[in-house]
């Protein structure tokens, strides 16, 4: 399951890079969705890693503590989950009901 979260984060990052060569794609939407997915993977992945280590990773001396502490801090840099989710929600609302599904699925077509 931890490997699955790492793979999901990698795919989200790759989609963002792929979007750079598609001028018709709204880069802000892609970045917002990628940030949300990568943040989710970081949260779940850190939780799984700590469970696998029997929570010893929460002690300051354990290397896992250092890695996950940075992951959790990074999640709030440049906007937290609420910030990016609000931006996505605003875009969906602005597009209206007729464009909702098209907007939701557009990025997966890169």
Protein backbone atom coordinates (compact mmCIF):
# COMPACT_ATOMS: atom_id res chain seq x y z
CA UNK A 1 0.00 0.00 0.00
CA UNK A 2 2.90 2.37 0.71
CA UNK A 3 4.31 1.70 -2.77
CA UNK A 4 0.88 2.48 -4.22
CA UNK A 5 0.86 5.89 -2.56
CA UNK A 6 4.35 6.62 -3.86
CA UNK A 7 3.24 5.60 -7.37
CA UNK A 8 0.13 7.82 -7.16
CA UNK A 9 2.26 10.80 -6.15
CA UNK A 10 4.66 10.12 -9.00
CA UNK A 11 1.82 9.94 -11.54
CA UNK A 12 0.41 13.25 -10.25
CA UNK A 13 3.83 14.90 -10.61
CA UNK A 14 4.28 13.42 -14.10
CA UNK A 15 0.85 14.74 -15.17
CA UNK A 16 1.93 18.22 -14.11
CA UNK A 17 5.11 17.96 -16.16
CA UNK A 18 3.16 16.63 -19.16
CA UNK A 19 0.75 19.57 -18.90
CA UNK A 20 3.59 21.99 -19.61
CA UNK A 21 3.64 20.95 -23.28
CA UNK A 22 -0.15 21.21 -23.74
CA UNK A 23 -1.06 24.87 -24.27
CA UNK A 24 -4.80 24.14 -24.09
CA UNK A 25 -4.57 22.75 -20.53
CA UNK A 26 -5.13 25.02 -17.56
CA UNK A 27 -1.88 24.57 -15.65
CA UNK A 28 -3.39 25.93 -12.44
CA UNK A 29 -6.00 23.14 -12.44
CA UNK A 30 -3.35 20.50 -13.03
CA UNK A 31 -1.12 21.86 -10.26
CA UNK A 32 -4.04 22.08 -7.83
CA UNK A 33 -5.11 18.48 -8.48
CA UNK A 34 -1.53 17.22 -8.30
CA UNK A 35 -0.91 19.01 -5.02
CA UNK A 36 -4.02 17.50 -3.49
CA UNK A 37 -3.13 13.99 -4.61
CA UNK A 38 0.52 14.27 -3.59
CA UNK A 39 -0.50 15.68 -0.20
CA UNK A 40 -2.89 12.77 0.28
CA UNK A 41 -0.18 10.27 -0.67
CA UNK A 42 2.25 11.92 1.77
CA UNK A 43 -0.26 11.73 4.61
CA UNK A 44 -1.25 8.12 3.97
CA UNK A 45 2.31 7.03 3.22
CA UNK A 46 3.68 8.56 6.42
CA UNK A 47 0.93 6.94 8.47
CA UNK A 48 1.64 3.55 6.91
CA UNK A 49 5.39 3.89 7.47
CA UNK A 50 4.86 4.72 11.13
CA UNK A 51 2.50 1.78 11.52
CA UNK A 52 5.01 -0.55 9.91
CA UNK A 53 7.66 0.60 12.38
CA UNK A 54 5.38 0.16 15.36
CA UNK A 55 5.22 3.93 15.87
CA UNK A 56 8.89 4.03 16.91
CA UNK A 57 9.35 6.52 14.06
CA UNK A 58 7.70 9.18 16.21
CA UNK A 59 10.78 9.29 18.45
CA UNK A 60 13.07 12.17 17.57
CA UNK A 61 16.12 9.94 17.11
CA UNK A 62 14.56 7.68 14.48
CA UNK A 63 15.28 8.59 10.83
CA UNK A 64 11.62 8.12 9.95
CA UNK A 65 10.74 10.99 12.27
CA UNK A 66 13.03 13.33 10.33
CA UNK A 67 11.60 12.29 6.97
CA UNK A 68 7.94 12.47 7.92
CA UNK A 69 8.32 15.71 9.85
CA UNK A 70 9.56 17.35 6.64
CA UNK A 71 6.74 15.73 4.62
CA UNK A 72 4.11 17.12 6.96
CA UNK A 73 5.66 20.59 6.90
CA UNK A 74 5.88 20.53 3.10
CA UNK A 75 2.17 19.76 2.77
CA UNK A 76 1.32 23.23 4.11
CA UNK A 77 3.84 25.18 2.03
CA UNK A 78 2.40 27.19 -0.87
CA UNK A 79 -1.16 26.46 0.22
CA UNK A 80 -2.63 23.62 2.22
CA UNK A 81 -5.26 21.11 1.09
CA UNK A 82 -8.12 23.50 1.78
CA UNK A 83 -6.51 26.19 -0.36
CA UNK A 84 -6.07 23.92 -3.39
CA UNK A 85 -9.45 22.21 -2.99
CA UNK A 86 -11.13 25.61 -2.92
CA UNK A 87 -9.38 26.62 -6.14
CA UNK A 88 -10.54 23.43 -7.86
CA UNK A 89 -14.07 23.87 -6.52
CA UNK A 90 -14.19 27.46 -7.71
CA UNK A 91 -13.15 26.39 -11.22
CA UNK A 92 -15.85 23.72 -11.29
CA UNK A 93 -18.53 26.16 -10.18
CA UNK A 94 -17.40 28.82 -12.66
CA UNK A 95 -17.63 26.28 -15.49
CA UNK A 96 -21.27 25.58 -14.71
CA UNK A 97 -23.22 22.35 -14.70
CA UNK A 98 -22.85 21.81 -18.45
CA UNK A 99 -19.05 21.75 -18.24
CA UNK A 100 -18.70 19.94 -14.91
CA UNK A 101 -17.86 16.47 -16.23
CA UNK A 102 -15.66 17.82 -19.02
CA UNK A 103 -13.68 19.86 -16.52
CA UNK A 104 -13.35 16.92 -14.12
CA UNK A 105 -12.04 14.54 -16.76
CA UNK A 106 -10.00 16.88 -18.97
CA UNK A 107 -6.72 16.38 -17.13
CA UNK A 108 -6.83 12.60 -17.36
CA UNK A 109 -6.70 12.92 -21.16
CA UNK A 110 -3.14 14.30 -21.24
